[in-house]
């Protein structure tokens, strides 16, 4: 078990560190895509500078896995990147393309890395997790604030998902500034917006119901951050920017209220499964 874990970690590090570093210190040509939709999405990420954030996350995750520091946290940050890499390499580049092999490999090794730290994630998977701020030891005012935040944020996400798939409830912003329009157009053309809205639909329903709350909040946080980036940095429209920041704020507030369920992820030097068995 120990050697299997080390092998997975070695492959993950050997992939993520050069891939992330290459954006800041050119080491090899960066593939731009050879299909219209994959190239359009890639150029939108480059022009909007979101690609820089993606590569910073890859580099951070690789270095954490190499040093053993905060690996579960780094993997959580890297998972949305791995999913997007898979989406770009497989559905957009082609299911039978050479890129698809790399897409499956990135997602697969990221998932395997998460499995080696499964004990760090188990508290997040509690189906009926109750935010500490709603407990009897907290002041009623704080409890009401957290409850209101959960209802507002959950309903907001759920309404976004329903608006996209069922019936218009909330207007979908298209953007006015060139980079905002370019990125939103690429998301729609690549159908990646469907993935985003499906996540919002499911997580919104879970948050409203109070089911798998820590997990749902963690899954939707990258979307909240990207929405804020789009509205504040790219679009720069005051009301939209305020809503984008409000989404991140509500998401963060609820995660802080569930902090006890994330403590395993925040351990400085956690042991993977194989390392635990080796020391037993």
C-alpha atoms as a PDB file:
ATOM      1  CA  UNK A   1       0.000   0.000   0.000  1.00  0.00           C
ATOM      2  CA  UNK A   2       2.763   2.406   0.944  1.00  0.00           C
ATOM      3  CA  UNK A   3       4.562   2.041  -2.382  1.00  0.00           C
ATOM      4  CA  UNK A   4       1.328   2.384  -4.344  1.00  0.00           C
ATOM      5  CA  UNK A   5       0.616   5.661  -2.556  1.00  0.00           C
ATOM      6  CA  UNK A   6       4.131   6.909  -3.268  1.00  0.00           C
ATOM      7  CA  UNK A   7       3.761   6.013  -6.944  1.00  0.00           C
ATOM      8  CA  UNK A   8       0.472   7.920  -7.253  1.00  0.00           C
ATOM      9  CA  UNK A   9       1.996  10.922  -5.490  1.00  0.00           C
ATOM     10  CA  UNK A  10       5.089  10.827  -7.713  1.00  0.00           C
ATOM     11  CA  UNK A  11       2.998  10.822 -10.893  1.00  0.00           C
ATOM     12  CA  UNK A  12       0.784  13.610  -9.561  1.00  0.00           C
ATOM     13  CA  UNK A  13       3.790  15.778  -8.652  1.00  0.00           C
ATOM     14  CA  UNK A  14       5.547  15.039 -11.953  1.00  0.00           C
ATOM     15  CA  UNK A  15       2.440  16.227 -13.778  1.00  0.00           C
ATOM     16  CA  UNK A  16       1.288  19.231 -11.745  1.00  0.00           C
ATOM     17  CA  UNK A  17       4.587  20.957 -11.000  1.00  0.00           C
ATOM     18  CA  UNK A  18       5.826  21.220 -14.623  1.00  0.00           C
ATOM     19  CA  UNK A  19       2.307  21.956 -15.917  1.00  0.00           C
ATOM     20  CA  UNK A  20       1.872  24.830 -13.475  1.00  0.00           C
ATOM     21  CA  UNK A  21       5.427  26.141 -13.709  1.00  0.00           C
ATOM     22  CA  UNK A  22       5.318  26.146 -17.509  1.00  0.00           C
ATOM     23  CA  UNK A  23       2.894  29.068 -17.501  1.00  0.00           C
ATOM     24  CA  UNK A  24       5.297  31.258 -15.530  1.00  0.00           C
ATOM     25  CA  UNK A  25       8.620  29.876 -16.807  1.00  0.00           C
ATOM     26  CA  UNK A  26       8.193  28.399 -20.312  1.00  0.00           C
ATOM     27  CA  UNK A  27       9.453  24.822 -20.412  1.00  0.00           C
ATOM     28  CA  UNK A  28       7.476  23.333 -23.305  1.00  0.00           C
ATOM     29  CA  UNK A  29       4.834  24.507 -25.810  1.00  0.00           C
ATOM     30  CA  UNK A  30       1.391  25.010 -24.267  1.00  0.00           C
ATOM     31  CA  UNK A  31      -1.277  23.133 -26.287  1.00  0.00           C
ATOM     32  CA  UNK A  32      -3.962  25.526 -27.503  1.00  0.00           C
ATOM     33  CA  UNK A  33      -6.436  22.951 -28.787  1.00  0.00           C
ATOM     34  CA  UNK A  34      -7.134  21.821 -32.332  1.00  0.00           C
ATOM     35  CA  UNK A  35     -10.938  21.880 -32.209  1.00  0.00           C
ATOM     36  CA  UNK A  36     -12.971  25.105 -32.590  1.00  0.00           C
ATOM     37  CA  UNK A  37     -14.688  24.888 -29.190  1.00  0.00           C
ATOM     38  CA  UNK A  38     -11.611  23.824 -27.246  1.00  0.00           C
ATOM     39  CA  UNK A  39      -9.539  26.605 -28.817  1.00  0.00           C
ATOM     40  CA  UNK A  40     -12.268  29.195 -28.183  1.00  0.00           C
ATOM     41  CA  UNK A  41     -12.492  28.238 -24.507  1.00  0.00           C
ATOM     42  CA  UNK A  42      -8.712  28.161 -24.088  1.00  0.00           C
ATOM     43  CA  UNK A  43      -8.262  31.615 -25.609  1.00  0.00           C
ATOM     44  CA  UNK A  44     -11.043  32.995 -23.404  1.00  0.00           C
ATOM     45  CA  UNK A  45      -9.269  31.644 -20.311  1.00  0.00           C
ATOM     46  CA  UNK A  46      -5.940  33.089 -21.461  1.00  0.00           C
ATOM     47  CA  UNK A  47      -7.345  36.521 -22.340  1.00  0.00           C
ATOM     48  CA  UNK A  48      -9.316  36.770 -19.094  1.00  0.00           C
ATOM     49  CA  UNK A  49      -6.246  35.669 -17.090  1.00  0.00           C
ATOM     50  CA  UNK A  50      -8.227  32.917 -15.421  1.00  0.00           C
ATOM     51  CA  UNK A  51      -5.674  30.553 -16.898  1.00  0.00           C
ATOM     52  CA  UNK A  52      -3.032  32.113 -14.645  1.00  0.00           C
ATOM     53  CA  UNK A  53      -5.147  31.212 -11.615  1.00  0.00           C
ATOM     54  CA  UNK A  54      -5.546  27.655 -12.930  1.00  0.00           C
ATOM     55  CA  UNK A  55      -1.804  27.225 -13.353  1.00  0.00           C
ATOM     56  CA  UNK A  56      -1.095  28.729  -9.939  1.00  0.00           C
ATOM     57  CA  UNK A  57      -3.419  26.134  -8.390  1.00  0.00           C
ATOM     58  CA  UNK A  58      -1.710  23.309 -10.297  1.00  0.00           C
ATOM     59  CA  UNK A  59       1.726  24.469  -9.151  1.00  0.00           C
ATOM     60  CA  UNK A  60       0.544  24.882  -5.546  1.00  0.00           C
ATOM     61  CA  UNK A  61      -1.047  21.431  -5.494  1.00  0.00           C
ATOM     62  CA  UNK A  62       2.043  19.810  -6.958  1.00  0.00           C
ATOM     63  CA  UNK A  63       4.375  21.469  -4.454  1.00  0.00           C
ATOM     64  CA  UNK A  64       2.100  20.534  -1.535  1.00  0.00           C
ATOM     65  CA  UNK A  65       2.040  16.905  -2.685  1.00  0.00           C
ATOM     66  CA  UNK A  66       5.837  16.980  -3.043  1.00  0.00           C
ATOM     67  CA  UNK A  67       6.456  18.407   0.437  1.00  0.00           C
ATOM     68  CA  UNK A  68       3.526  16.758   2.236  1.00  0.00           C
ATOM     69  CA  UNK A  69       2.162  20.082   3.526  1.00  0.00           C
ATOM     70  CA  UNK A  70      -1.621  20.641   3.473  1.00  0.00           C
ATOM     71  CA  UNK A  71      -2.093  18.003   0.788  1.00  0.00           C
ATOM     72  CA  UNK A  72      -5.859  17.399   1.343  1.00  0.00           C
ATOM     73  CA  UNK A  73      -6.521  21.150   1.105  1.00  0.00           C
ATOM     74  CA  UNK A  74      -4.410  21.460  -2.043  1.00  0.00           C
ATOM     75  CA  UNK A  75      -6.246  18.518  -3.609  1.00  0.00           C
ATOM     76  CA  UNK A  76      -9.608  20.137  -2.930  1.00  0.00           C
ATOM     77  CA  UNK A  77      -8.383  23.266  -4.680  1.00  0.00           C
ATOM     78  CA  UNK A  78      -7.037  21.191  -7.575  1.00  0.00           C
ATOM     79  CA  UNK A  79     -10.118  19.026  -8.130  1.00  0.00           C
ATOM     80  CA  UNK A  80     -12.128  21.702 -10.043  1.00  0.00           C
ATOM     81  CA  UNK A  81      -9.051  22.268 -12.208  1.00  0.00           C
ATOM     82  CA  UNK A  82      -8.740  18.541 -12.896  1.00  0.00           C
ATOM     83  CA  UNK A  83     -12.424  18.334 -13.857  1.00  0.00           C
ATOM     84  CA  UNK A  84     -12.066  21.295 -16.234  1.00  0.00           C
ATOM     85  CA  UNK A  85      -8.900  19.813 -17.735  1.00  0.00           C
ATOM     86  CA  UNK A  86     -10.806  16.567 -18.306  1.00  0.00           C
ATOM     87  CA  UNK A  87     -13.708  18.461 -19.896  1.00  0.00           C
ATOM     88  CA  UNK A  88     -11.354  20.335 -22.219  1.00  0.00           C
ATOM     89  CA  UNK A  89      -9.313  17.250 -23.158  1.00  0.00           C
ATOM     90  CA  UNK A  90     -12.160  14.773 -23.571  1.00  0.00           C
ATOM     91  CA  UNK A  91     -15.569  16.239 -24.619  1.00  0.00           C
ATOM     92  CA  UNK A  92     -14.101  19.311 -26.365  1.00  0.00           C
ATOM     93  CA  UNK A  93     -10.950  17.840 -27.934  1.00  0.00           C
ATOM     94  CA  UNK A  94     -12.654  14.526 -28.691  1.00  0.00           C
ATOM     95  CA  UNK A  95     -13.392  11.324 -26.793  1.00  0.00           C
ATOM     96  CA  UNK A  96     -11.107   9.347 -29.090  1.00  0.00           C
ATOM     97  CA  UNK A  97      -8.359  11.957 -29.328  1.00  0.00           C
ATOM     98  CA  UNK A  98      -4.853  11.765 -27.910  1.00  0.00           C
ATOM     99  CA  UNK A  99      -5.789  14.608 -25.545  1.00  0.00           C
ATOM    100  CA  UNK A 100      -8.457  12.400 -23.981  1.00  0.00           C
ATOM    101  CA  UNK A 101      -5.749  10.136 -22.554  1.00  0.00           C
ATOM    102  CA  UNK A 102      -4.231  13.081 -20.701  1.00  0.00           C
ATOM    103  CA  UNK A 103      -7.631  14.282 -19.526  1.00  0.00           C
ATOM    104  CA  UNK A 104      -8.515  10.923 -17.999  1.00  0.00           C
ATOM    105  CA  UNK A 105      -5.041  10.647 -16.472  1.00  0.00           C
ATOM    106  CA  UNK A 106      -5.213  14.040 -14.741  1.00  0.00           C
ATOM    107  CA  UNK A 107      -8.671  13.404 -13.316  1.00  0.00           C
ATOM    108  CA  UNK A 108      -7.861   9.819 -12.387  1.00  0.00           C
ATOM    109  CA  UNK A 109      -4.656  10.583 -10.491  1.00  0.00           C
ATOM    110  CA  UNK A 110      -6.273  13.527  -8.712  1.00  0.00           C
ATOM    111  CA  UNK A 111      -9.082  11.233  -7.548  1.00  0.00           C
ATOM    112  CA  UNK A 112      -6.567   8.579  -6.479  1.00  0.00           C
ATOM    113  CA  UNK A 113      -4.659  11.193  -4.494  1.00  0.00           C
ATOM    114  CA  UNK A 114      -7.884  12.176  -2.733  1.00  0.00           C
ATOM    115  CA  UNK A 115      -8.559   8.523  -1.897  1.00  0.00           C
ATOM    116  CA  UNK A 116      -5.170   8.222  -0.187  1.00  0.00           C
ATOM    117  CA  UNK A 117      -6.294  10.992   2.185  1.00  0.00           C
ATOM    118  CA  UNK A 118      -9.855   9.763   2.570  1.00  0.00           C
ATOM    119  CA  UNK A 119      -9.731  10.001   6.363  1.00  0.00           C
ATOM    120  CA  UNK A 120      -9.164  13.745   6.066  1.00  0.00           C
ATOM    121  CA  UNK A 121     -12.347  14.093   4.032  1.00  0.00           C
ATOM    122  CA  UNK A 122     -14.707  11.832   5.986  1.00  0.00           C
ATOM    123  CA  UNK A 123     -16.006  14.604   8.322  1.00  0.00           C
ATOM    124  CA  UNK A 124     -16.973  16.620   5.235  1.00  0.00           C
ATOM    125  CA  UNK A 125     -19.211  13.794   4.046  1.00  0.00           C
ATOM    126  CA  UNK A 126     -21.551  13.872   7.046  1.00  0.00           C
ATOM    127  CA  UNK A 127     -25.088  13.776   5.585  1.00  0.00           C
ATOM    128  CA  UNK A 128     -26.700  15.694   8.458  1.00  0.00           C
ATOM    129  CA  UNK A 129     -23.891  18.051   9.467  1.00  0.00           C
ATOM    130  CA  UNK A 130     -25.140  20.851  11.684  1.00  0.00           C
ATOM    131  CA  UNK A 131     -23.236  24.163  11.581  1.00  0.00           C
ATOM    132  CA  UNK A 132     -21.731  24.914  14.986  1.00  0.00           C
ATOM    133  CA  UNK A 133     -23.184  28.415  14.889  1.00  0.00           C
ATOM    134  CA  UNK A 134     -26.671  26.883  14.992  1.00  0.00           C
ATOM    135  CA  UNK A 135     -25.917  24.900  18.138  1.00  0.00           C
ATOM    136  CA  UNK A 136     -27.381  25.655  21.541  1.00  0.00           C
ATOM    137  CA  UNK A 137     -24.067  27.064  22.819  1.00  0.00           C
ATOM    138  CA  UNK A 138     -24.161  29.908  20.301  1.00  0.00           C
ATOM    139  CA  UNK A 139     -26.108  33.156  20.618  1.00  0.00           C
ATOM    140  CA  UNK A 140     -29.530  33.170  18.967  1.00  0.00           C
ATOM    141  CA  UNK A 141     -28.560  36.110  16.761  1.00  0.00           C
ATOM    142  CA  UNK A 142     -25.581  34.266  15.233  1.00  0.00           C
ATOM    143  CA  UNK A 143     -27.740  31.205  14.745  1.00  0.00           C
ATOM    144  CA  UNK A 144     -30.392  33.232  12.915  1.00  0.00           C
ATOM    145  CA  UNK A 145     -27.736  34.867  10.703  1.00  0.00           C
ATOM    146  CA  UNK A 146     -26.289  31.518   9.671  1.00  0.00           C
ATOM    147  CA  UNK A 147     -29.735  30.054   9.056  1.00  0.00           C
ATOM    148  CA  UNK A 148     -30.720  33.060   6.933  1.00  0.00           C
ATOM    149  CA  UNK A 149     -27.450  32.777   4.985  1.00  0.00           C
ATOM    150  CA  UNK A 150     -28.104  29.089   4.312  1.00  0.00           C
ATOM    151  CA  UNK A 151     -31.650  29.742   3.071  1.00  0.00           C
ATOM    152  CA  UNK A 152     -30.684  32.722   0.921  1.00  0.00           C
ATOM    153  CA  UNK A 153     -27.613  31.089  -0.601  1.00  0.00           C
ATOM    154  CA  UNK A 154     -29.317  27.747  -1.203  1.00  0.00           C
ATOM    155  CA  UNK A 155     -32.387  29.361  -2.777  1.00  0.00           C
ATOM    156  CA  UNK A 156     -30.154  31.555  -4.935  1.00  0.00           C
ATOM    157  CA  UNK A 157     -28.204  28.595  -6.295  1.00  0.00           C
ATOM    158  CA  UNK A 158     -31.347  26.539  -6.818  1.00  0.00           C
ATOM    159  CA  UNK A 159     -33.051  29.399  -8.661  1.00  0.00           C
ATOM    160  CA  UNK A 160     -30.023  29.771 -10.938  1.00  0.00           C
ATOM    161  CA  UNK A 161     -30.158  26.087 -11.831  1.00  0.00           C
ATOM    162  CA  UNK A 162     -33.919  26.085 -12.417  1.00  0.00           C
ATOM    163  CA  UNK A 163     -33.634  29.239 -14.536  1.00  0.00           C
ATOM    164  CA  UNK A 164     -31.117  27.549 -16.792  1.00  0.00           C
ATOM    165  CA  UNK A 165     -32.751  24.142 -17.203  1.00  0.00           C
ATOM    166  CA  UNK A 166     -36.477  24.601 -16.550  1.00  0.00           C
ATOM    167  CA  UNK A 167     -37.987  28.074 -16.628  1.00  0.00           C
ATOM    168  CA  UNK A 168     -36.505  31.582 -16.460  1.00  0.00           C
ATOM    169  CA  UNK A 169     -36.472  32.835 -12.881  1.00  0.00           C
ATOM    170  CA  UNK A 170     -33.279  34.871 -12.830  1.00  0.00           C
ATOM    171  CA  UNK A 171     -31.675  36.600 -15.793  1.00  0.00           C
ATOM    172  CA  UNK A 172     -28.414  35.078 -16.993  1.00  0.00           C
ATOM    173  CA  UNK A 173     -25.836  37.888 -17.405  1.00  0.00           C
ATOM    174  CA  UNK A 174     -24.193  37.962 -20.820  1.00  0.00           C
ATOM    175  CA  UNK A 175     -21.720  40.721 -20.041  1.00  0.00           C
ATOM    176  CA  UNK A 176     -20.919  44.085 -21.582  1.00  0.00           C
ATOM    177  CA  UNK A 177     -17.150  44.378 -21.309  1.00  0.00           C
ATOM    178  CA  UNK A 178     -15.220  42.560 -24.090  1.00  0.00           C
ATOM    179  CA  UNK A 179     -13.433  40.026 -21.868  1.00  0.00           C
ATOM    180  CA  UNK A 180     -16.599  39.271 -19.896  1.00  0.00           C
ATOM    181  CA  UNK A 181     -18.545  38.678 -23.118  1.00  0.00           C
ATOM    182  CA  UNK A 182     -15.740  36.539 -24.563  1.00  0.00           C
ATOM    183  CA  UNK A 183     -15.569  34.274 -21.520  1.00  0.00           C
ATOM    184  CA  UNK A 184     -19.329  33.928 -21.117  1.00  0.00           C
ATOM    185  CA  UNK A 185     -19.745  33.177 -24.842  1.00  0.00           C
ATOM    186  CA  UNK A 186     -17.066  30.472 -24.642  1.00  0.00           C
ATOM    187  CA  UNK A 187     -18.779  28.905 -21.618  1.00  0.00           C
ATOM    188  CA  UNK A 188     -22.085  28.761 -23.473  1.00  0.00           C
ATOM    189  CA  UNK A 189     -20.638  27.487 -26.756  1.00  0.00           C
ATOM    190  CA  UNK A 190     -18.662  24.745 -25.013  1.00  0.00           C
ATOM    191  CA  UNK A 191     -21.692  23.795 -22.866  1.00  0.00           C
ATOM    192  CA  UNK A 192     -19.501  24.168 -19.792  1.00  0.00           C
ATOM    193  CA  UNK A 193     -22.158  26.535 -18.485  1.00  0.00           C
ATOM    194  CA  UNK A 194     -24.482  23.500 -18.276  1.00  0.00           C
ATOM    195  CA  UNK A 195     -22.033  21.825 -15.885  1.00  0.00           C
ATOM    196  CA  UNK A 196     -21.846  24.985 -13.781  1.00  0.00           C
ATOM    197  CA  UNK A 197     -25.603  25.308 -13.572  1.00  0.00           C
ATOM    198  CA  UNK A 198     -26.090  21.614 -12.809  1.00  0.00           C
ATOM    199  CA  UNK A 199     -23.706  21.965  -9.867  1.00  0.00           C
ATOM    200  CA  UNK A 200     -25.598  25.022  -8.652  1.00  0.00           C
ATOM    201  CA  UNK A 201     -28.912  23.186  -8.981  1.00  0.00           C
ATOM    202  CA  UNK A 202     -27.787  20.175  -6.945  1.00  0.00           C
ATOM    203  CA  UNK A 203     -25.789  22.062  -4.319  1.00  0.00           C
ATOM    204  CA  UNK A 204     -28.547  24.633  -3.893  1.00  0.00           C
ATOM    205  CA  UNK A 205     -31.064  21.887  -3.168  1.00  0.00           C
ATOM    206  CA  UNK A 206     -28.683  20.209  -0.702  1.00  0.00           C
ATOM    207  CA  UNK A 207     -27.902  23.467   1.107  1.00  0.00           C
ATOM    208  CA  UNK A 208     -31.578  24.326   1.430  1.00  0.00           C
ATOM    209  CA  UNK A 209     -32.344  20.846   2.742  1.00  0.00           C
ATOM    210  CA  UNK A 210     -29.331  20.852   5.069  1.00  0.00           C
ATOM    211  CA  UNK A 211     -28.003  17.623   3.548  1.00  0.00           C
ATOM    212  CA  UNK A 212     -24.271  17.062   2.974  1.00  0.00           C
ATOM    213  CA  UNK A 213     -23.845  20.766   3.763  1.00  0.00           C
ATOM    214  CA  UNK A 214     -20.015  20.880   4.161  1.00  0.00           C
ATOM    215  CA  UNK A 215     -19.525  18.924   0.937  1.00  0.00           C
ATOM    216  CA  UNK A 216     -22.020  21.041  -1.034  1.00  0.00           C
ATOM    217  CA  UNK A 217     -20.434  24.285   0.168  1.00  0.00           C
ATOM    218  CA  UNK A 218     -16.969  23.040  -0.786  1.00  0.00           C
ATOM    219  CA  UNK A 219     -18.100  21.920  -4.256  1.00  0.00           C
ATOM    220  CA  UNK A 220     -19.782  25.226  -5.099  1.00  0.00           C
ATOM    221  CA  UNK A 221     -17.061  27.546  -3.717  1.00  0.00           C
ATOM    222  CA  UNK A 222     -14.925  27.493  -6.918  1.00  0.00           C
ATOM    223  CA  UNK A 223     -18.014  28.538  -8.900  1.00  0.00           C
ATOM    224  CA  UNK A 224     -18.677  31.367  -6.435  1.00  0.00           C
ATOM    225  CA  UNK A 225     -15.072  32.555  -6.772  1.00  0.00           C
ATOM    226  CA  UNK A 226     -15.145  32.407 -10.579  1.00  0.00           C
ATOM    227  CA  UNK A 227     -18.499  34.228 -10.671  1.00  0.00           C
ATOM    228  CA  UNK A 228     -17.038  36.965  -8.476  1.00  0.00           C
ATOM    229  CA  UNK A 229     -13.958  37.154 -10.721  1.00  0.00           C
ATOM    230  CA  UNK A 230     -16.175  37.513 -13.785  1.00  0.00           C
ATOM    231  CA  UNK A 231     -18.383  40.197 -12.246  1.00  0.00           C
ATOM    232  CA  UNK A 232     -15.727  42.196 -10.356  1.00  0.00           C
ATOM    233  CA  UNK A 233     -12.626  41.912 -12.573  1.00  0.00           C
ATOM    234  CA  UNK A 234     -14.027  41.359 -16.066  1.00  0.00           C
ATOM    235  CA  UNK A 235     -17.490  42.927 -16.139  1.00  0.00           C
ATOM    236  CA  UNK A 236     -16.994  45.655 -13.497  1.00  0.00           C
ATOM    237  CA  UNK A 237     -20.687  46.490 -13.257  1.00  0.00           C
ATOM    238  CA  UNK A 238     -21.446  47.704  -9.688  1.00  0.00           C
ATOM    239  CA  UNK A 239     -24.587  45.673  -8.974  1.00  0.00           C
ATOM    240  CA  UNK A 240     -23.165  42.514 -10.528  1.00  0.00           C
ATOM    241  CA  UNK A 241     -19.906  42.965  -8.637  1.00  0.00           C
ATOM    242  CA  UNK A 242     -21.842  43.373  -5.385  1.00  0.00           C
ATOM    243  CA  UNK A 243     -23.786  40.173  -6.062  1.00  0.00           C
ATOM    244  CA  UNK A 244     -20.601  38.298  -6.957  1.00  0.00           C
ATOM    245  CA  UNK A 245     -18.939  39.333  -3.718  1.00  0.00           C
ATOM    246  CA  UNK A 246     -22.119  38.509  -1.799  1.00  0.00           C
ATOM    247  CA  UNK A 247     -22.083  34.961  -3.188  1.00  0.00           C
ATOM    248  CA  UNK A 248     -18.494  34.426  -2.043  1.00  0.00           C
ATOM    249  CA  UNK A 249     -19.320  35.996   1.316  1.00  0.00           C
ATOM    250  CA  UNK A 250     -22.340  33.754   1.939  1.00  0.00           C
ATOM    251  CA  UNK A 251     -20.402  30.697   0.806  1.00  0.00           C
ATOM    252  CA  UNK A 252     -17.480  31.554   3.094  1.00  0.00           C
ATOM    253  CA  UNK A 253     -19.718  32.374   6.063  1.00  0.00           C
ATOM    254  CA  UNK A 254     -21.420  28.996   5.869  1.00  0.00           C
ATOM    255  CA  UNK A 255     -18.099  27.184   5.500  1.00  0.00           C
ATOM    256  CA  UNK A 256     -16.791  28.934   8.621  1.00  0.00           C
ATOM    257  CA  UNK A 257     -19.952  27.846  10.430  1.00  0.00           C
ATOM    258  CA  UNK A 258     -19.090  24.267   9.386  1.00  0.00           C
ATOM    259  CA  UNK A 259     -15.408  24.640  10.226  1.00  0.00           C
ATOM    260  CA  UNK A 260     -15.282  21.589  12.490  1.00  0.00           C
ATOM    261  CA  UNK A 261     -16.086  19.423   9.462  1.00  0.00           C
ATOM    262  CA  UNK A 262     -13.074  20.815   7.567  1.00  0.00           C
ATOM    263  CA  UNK A 263     -10.482  20.360  10.312  1.00  0.00           C
ATOM    264  CA  UNK A 264      -9.160  17.156   8.750  1.00  0.00           C
ATOM    265  CA  UNK A 265      -8.479  19.046   5.532  1.00  0.00           C
ATOM    266  CA  UNK A 266      -6.555  21.759   7.388  1.00  0.00           C
ATOM    267  CA  UNK A 267      -4.000  19.466   9.076  1.00  0.00           C
ATOM    268  CA  UNK A 268      -0.502  20.705   8.287  1.00  0.00           C
ATOM    269  CA  UNK A 269       1.204  17.356   7.615  1.00  0.00           C
ATOM    270  CA  UNK A 270      -1.438  14.619   7.346  1.00  0.00           C
ATOM    271  CA  UNK A 271      -0.519  11.005   6.735  1.00  0.00           C
ATOM    272  CA  UNK A 272      -1.851   9.149   3.735  1.00  0.00           C
ATOM    273  CA  UNK A 273      -3.294   5.659   4.083  1.00  0.00           C
ATOM    274  CA  UNK A 274      -0.090   3.868   3.200  1.00  0.00           C
ATOM    275  CA  UNK A 275       2.014   6.083   5.446  1.00  0.00           C
ATOM    276  CA  UNK A 276      -0.280   5.384   8.394  1.00  0.00           C
ATOM    277  CA  UNK A 277       0.011   1.634   7.919  1.00  0.00           C
ATOM    278  CA  UNK A 278       3.796   1.899   7.550  1.00  0.00           C
ATOM    279  CA  UNK A 279       4.102   3.611  10.954  1.00  0.00           C
ATOM    280  CA  UNK A 280       1.675   1.322  12.760  1.00  0.00           C
END
